[in-house]
Amino acid sequence: MSEWPDVDGIEGVAARRDELVEGVREHAGRIAYRLARLQGGEYGQRTFPTARGEWTVKYEAGDLQYLRYDPDSGPETYVVSTKRPPDPEALAEALSDYGAFVAAFNDHVRSLDGVLDDVEVEFPEIEPTDGVVAQRDRVLGRVREACDWIAGELHRYEGGEYGTFAARVSGTRWELKRERDRASYLRVGGSGGIYLLSQYGPPSAADIREHVPDFRGFVEAYNDHVEEVESDLRRVSL
């Protein structure tokens, strides 16, 4: 019977690797936290070059996601990651350059020292919008009043819970939708248009200035519609 040599155990090497990786995870985790504070945002990463390669720190919510070493020659090594631990030889090569990575990070931080010293902190006064808002509300209030009146009249002779009235003004479609005797919305420009009235927020001042002058034409179109309906009814005989 053949005699096979004993297989050496790997427990010692694996334990030492895990110890080193955990130490780097804790140390590089502090770098990731400071980098996250410096760069802002929940997610981010940054690469730091050294004389022998590049180190990339990726973080999420201030916690280290991975630390990757990419040497100038040879494959990259994930020194710290959420996946399998690195090969011991690759880890040893990476850690021989780890001090240079930390120095590169420190140099980056020092390069930003004083960068905000000359930033002006006296800001100009902010103009209030009270006047613009009051004028907008006044104009839209008049539009709302007219549209509710139209909605009430439509409800009187059309009946039903819901209804619409649409007309073209200067080539643009205007549509009033009502719920019983109250206007739900007034839209200019079709399905992708501007809502002058709606259950959501008011339109911009620019949209009001552009479209409200044509509202008179919409009201006139409604009046013409009423006259046509009355004329049709006059021709009905019993």
Protein backbone atom coordinates (compact mmCIF):
# COMPACT_ATOMS: atom_id res chain seq x y z
CA MET A 1 0.00 0.00 0.00
CA SER A 2 1.38 3.42 -0.98
CA GLU A 3 2.34 5.88 1.72
CA TRP A 4 0.97 9.38 0.99
CA PRO A 5 2.47 12.42 2.71
CA ASP A 6 0.38 14.25 5.26
CA VAL A 7 -1.60 17.31 4.07
CA ASP A 8 -0.59 20.46 5.88
CA GLY A 9 -3.39 22.37 7.57
CA ILE A 10 -4.38 25.84 6.35
CA GLU A 11 -6.00 27.01 9.54
CA GLY A 12 -3.08 29.20 10.53
CA VAL A 13 -2.81 30.95 7.16
CA ALA A 14 -6.57 31.48 6.89
CA ALA A 15 -6.80 32.80 10.44
CA ARG A 16 -3.96 35.27 9.82
CA ARG A 17 -5.55 36.42 6.55
CA ASP A 18 -8.91 36.95 8.24
CA GLU A 19 -7.20 38.89 11.02
CA LEU A 20 -5.46 41.17 8.54
CA VAL A 21 -8.61 41.72 6.47
CA GLU A 22 -10.61 42.61 9.56
CA GLY A 23 -7.95 45.10 10.61
CA VAL A 24 -8.00 46.73 7.17
CA ARG A 25 -11.81 46.73 7.19
CA GLU A 26 -11.84 48.69 10.45
CA HIS A 27 -9.10 51.12 9.37
CA ALA A 28 -10.34 51.65 5.81
CA GLY A 29 -13.87 51.93 7.19
CA ARG A 30 -12.79 55.13 8.93
CA ILE A 31 -11.43 56.39 5.62
CA ALA A 32 -14.73 55.54 3.91
CA TYR A 33 -16.69 57.39 6.60
CA ARG A 34 -14.54 60.51 6.26
CA LEU A 35 -14.66 60.31 2.48
CA ALA A 36 -18.46 60.09 2.59
CA ARG A 37 -18.63 63.19 4.79
CA LEU A 38 -16.27 65.01 2.47
CA GLN A 39 -18.00 64.10 -0.79
CA GLY A 40 -21.57 64.03 0.48
CA GLY A 41 -24.34 61.74 -0.67
CA GLU A 42 -25.41 58.27 0.37
CA TYR A 43 -23.31 56.47 -2.23
CA GLY A 44 -19.92 57.18 -3.74
CA GLN A 45 -16.42 56.07 -4.50
CA ARG A 46 -13.00 57.54 -5.17
CA THR A 47 -9.75 56.20 -6.56
CA PHE A 48 -6.37 57.12 -5.09
CA PRO A 49 -3.23 56.50 -7.17
CA THR A 50 0.05 55.36 -5.69
CA ALA A 51 3.45 54.68 -7.25
CA ARG A 52 2.55 51.00 -7.68
CA GLY A 53 -1.15 51.10 -8.60
CA GLU A 54 -4.55 52.45 -7.64
CA TRP A 55 -6.83 51.99 -4.64
CA THR A 56 -10.59 52.45 -4.94
CA VAL A 57 -12.81 53.06 -1.92
CA LYS A 58 -16.54 52.55 -2.35
CA TYR A 59 -18.99 53.49 0.39
CA GLU A 60 -22.71 53.39 1.07
CA ALA A 61 -24.29 55.54 3.81
CA GLY A 62 -20.83 56.12 5.23
CA ASP A 63 -19.98 52.41 5.48
CA LEU A 64 -17.21 50.75 3.51
CA GLN A 65 -18.56 48.56 0.69
CA TYR A 66 -15.25 47.51 -0.75
CA LEU A 67 -11.57 48.40 -0.95
CA ARG A 68 -9.96 47.38 -4.25
CA TYR A 69 -6.29 47.37 -5.14
CA ASP A 70 -5.40 47.51 -8.83
CA PRO A 71 -1.61 47.19 -9.29
CA ASP A 72 0.15 48.52 -12.38
CA SER A 73 0.86 44.90 -13.31
CA GLY A 74 -1.18 41.89 -12.33
CA PRO A 75 -4.83 41.30 -11.46
CA GLU A 76 -6.86 43.50 -9.12
CA THR A 77 -7.53 42.42 -5.55
CA TYR A 78 -10.60 43.15 -3.44
CA VAL A 79 -8.88 43.54 -0.10
CA VAL A 80 -12.22 44.16 1.60
CA SER A 81 -15.57 43.23 0.06
CA THR A 82 -18.87 41.54 0.76
CA LYS A 83 -17.75 38.50 -1.25
CA ARG A 84 -15.04 35.94 -0.65
CA PRO A 85 -11.82 36.96 1.11
CA PRO A 86 -8.70 37.63 -0.98
CA ASP A 87 -5.99 35.15 -1.80
CA PRO A 88 -3.25 35.34 0.87
CA GLU A 89 -0.48 36.10 -1.67
CA ALA A 90 -2.56 38.80 -3.36
CA LEU A 91 -3.43 40.24 0.05
CA ALA A 92 0.23 40.35 1.03
CA GLU A 93 1.13 42.23 -2.17
CA ALA A 94 -1.73 44.69 -1.70
CA LEU A 95 -0.93 45.39 1.93
CA SER A 96 2.66 46.17 1.03
CA ASP A 97 1.21 49.24 -0.75
CA TYR A 98 -1.50 50.02 1.80
CA GLY A 99 0.57 52.64 3.58
CA ALA A 100 0.99 54.51 0.29
CA PHE A 101 -2.79 54.44 -0.17
CA VAL A 102 -3.38 55.97 3.26
CA ALA A 103 -0.76 58.63 2.48
CA ALA A 104 -2.56 59.40 -0.82
CA PHE A 105 -5.84 59.82 1.04
CA ASN A 106 -4.23 62.13 3.58
CA ASP A 107 -2.67 64.18 0.78
CA HIS A 108 -6.11 64.53 -0.80
CA VAL A 109 -7.60 65.80 2.45
CA ARG A 110 -4.72 68.26 2.98
CA SER A 111 -5.12 69.57 -0.58
CA LEU A 112 -8.60 70.77 0.38
CA ASP A 113 -7.47 72.58 3.50
CA GLY A 114 -8.37 76.26 3.19
CA VAL A 115 -10.18 75.82 -0.14
CA LEU A 116 -13.32 77.43 1.34
CA ASP A 117 -11.57 80.21 3.28
CA ASP A 118 -12.23 82.89 0.67
CA VAL A 119 -15.80 81.86 -0.13
CA GLU A 120 -18.17 84.80 0.34
CA VAL A 121 -20.67 84.19 3.13
CA GLU A 122 -22.52 87.48 2.82
CA PHE A 123 -25.43 86.78 0.52
CA PRO A 124 -27.71 89.34 -1.15
CA GLU A 125 -31.18 89.94 0.18
CA ILE A 126 -33.88 87.64 -1.19
CA GLU A 127 -36.79 89.37 -2.84
CA PRO A 128 -40.15 88.33 -1.39
CA THR A 129 -42.71 86.74 -3.69
CA ASP A 130 -45.76 87.97 -1.80
CA GLY A 131 -46.73 90.47 -4.48
CA VAL A 132 -46.38 87.96 -7.32
CA VAL A 133 -48.32 85.31 -5.42
CA ALA A 134 -51.10 87.74 -4.54
CA GLN A 135 -51.39 88.85 -8.17
CA ARG A 136 -51.38 85.23 -9.37
CA ASP A 137 -54.11 84.30 -6.89
CA ARG A 138 -56.19 87.31 -7.92
CA VAL A 139 -55.99 86.42 -11.62
CA LEU A 140 -56.65 82.72 -11.08
CA GLY A 141 -59.49 83.60 -8.72
CA ARG A 142 -61.24 85.47 -11.53
CA VAL A 143 -60.62 82.51 -13.89
CA ARG A 144 -61.95 80.09 -11.26
CA GLU A 145 -65.06 82.22 -10.73
CA ALA A 146 -65.83 82.27 -14.46
CA CYS A 147 -65.14 78.56 -14.91
CA ASP A 148 -67.35 77.62 -11.97
CA TRP A 149 -70.10 79.74 -13.48
CA ILE A 150 -69.72 77.94 -16.83
CA ALA A 151 -69.65 74.56 -15.03
CA GLY A 152 -72.86 75.46 -13.20
CA GLU A 153 -74.62 76.43 -16.42
CA LEU A 154 -73.43 73.28 -18.17
CA HIS A 155 -74.69 71.20 -15.27
CA ARG A 156 -78.08 72.91 -15.46
CA TYR A 157 -78.80 72.04 -19.08
CA GLU A 158 -76.61 68.95 -19.60
CA GLY A 159 -77.17 67.25 -16.26
CA GLY A 160 -74.98 64.39 -15.10
CA GLU A 161 -72.21 64.21 -12.55
CA TYR A 162 -69.39 64.94 -14.98
CA GLY A 163 -68.93 66.76 -18.24
CA THR A 164 -66.50 68.68 -20.41
CA PHE A 165 -66.58 71.66 -22.69
CA ALA A 166 -63.78 72.16 -25.23
CA ALA A 167 -63.09 74.87 -27.78
CA ARG A 168 -60.21 76.09 -29.91
CA VAL A 169 -58.88 79.56 -29.24
CA SER A 170 -56.30 80.90 -31.71
CA GLY A 171 -55.66 77.33 -32.84
CA THR A 172 -55.10 75.95 -29.31
CA ARG A 173 -57.44 73.51 -27.61
CA TRP A 174 -58.96 74.63 -24.29
CA GLU A 175 -60.85 72.12 -22.19
CA LEU A 176 -62.96 72.65 -19.08
CA LYS A 177 -63.87 69.57 -17.09
CA ARG A 178 -66.58 69.82 -14.46
CA GLU A 179 -67.84 67.71 -11.59
CA ARG A 180 -71.50 68.56 -11.15
CA ASP A 181 -71.56 72.39 -11.00
CA ARG A 182 -67.89 73.06 -10.22
CA ALA A 183 -64.87 73.19 -12.52
CA SER A 184 -62.39 70.34 -11.94
CA TYR A 185 -59.73 71.69 -14.28
CA LEU A 186 -59.09 74.10 -17.11
CA ARG A 187 -56.41 72.83 -19.46
CA VAL A 188 -54.74 74.60 -22.38
CA GLY A 189 -53.04 72.60 -25.13
CA GLY A 190 -54.44 69.07 -25.03
CA SER A 191 -53.43 66.14 -22.83
CA GLY A 192 -49.88 67.37 -22.39
CA GLY A 193 -50.86 70.99 -21.90
CA ILE A 194 -50.90 73.54 -19.10
CA TYR A 195 -53.45 73.29 -16.30
CA LEU A 196 -54.55 76.81 -15.42
CA LEU A 197 -56.95 75.32 -12.87
CA SER A 198 -56.58 71.91 -11.26
CA GLN A 199 -56.66 70.05 -7.97
CA TYR A 200 -52.89 70.31 -7.85
CA GLY A 201 -50.69 73.38 -7.56
CA PRO A 202 -51.16 76.58 -9.55
CA PRO A 203 -49.32 77.12 -12.84
CA SER A 204 -46.22 79.27 -13.11
CA ALA A 205 -46.46 83.02 -13.47
CA ALA A 206 -45.02 82.67 -16.99
CA ASP A 207 -47.79 80.23 -18.00
CA ILE A 208 -50.46 82.52 -16.56
CA ARG A 209 -49.06 85.49 -18.45
CA GLU A 210 -48.96 83.51 -21.70
CA HIS A 211 -52.41 81.90 -21.61
CA VAL A 212 -54.78 83.97 -19.46
CA PRO A 213 -55.14 86.74 -22.08
CA ASP A 214 -56.73 84.11 -24.37
CA PHE A 215 -59.22 83.07 -21.67
CA ARG A 216 -61.58 85.75 -22.96
CA GLY A 217 -61.71 83.86 -26.27
CA PHE A 218 -62.62 80.65 -24.42
CA VAL A 219 -65.51 82.38 -22.66
CA GLU A 220 -66.69 83.82 -25.97
CA ALA A 221 -66.55 80.33 -27.49
CA TYR A 222 -68.72 79.06 -24.65
CA ASN A 223 -71.22 81.89 -25.22
CA ASP A 224 -71.34 81.01 -28.92
CA HIS A 225 -71.97 77.40 -27.97
CA VAL A 226 -74.91 78.41 -25.76
CA GLU A 227 -76.40 80.50 -28.56
CA GLU A 228 -76.15 77.56 -30.95
CA VAL A 229 -77.89 75.27 -28.47
CA GLU A 230 -80.67 77.84 -27.93
CA SER A 231 -81.07 78.26 -31.70
CA ASP A 232 -81.35 74.51 -32.13
CA LEU A 233 -83.98 74.30 -29.42
CA ARG A 234 -86.03 77.09 -30.97
CA ARG A 235 -86.37 74.98 -34.08
CA VAL A 236 -87.89 72.13 -32.12
CA SER A 237 -91.67 72.00 -32.50
CA LEU A 238 -94.18 69.87 -30.65
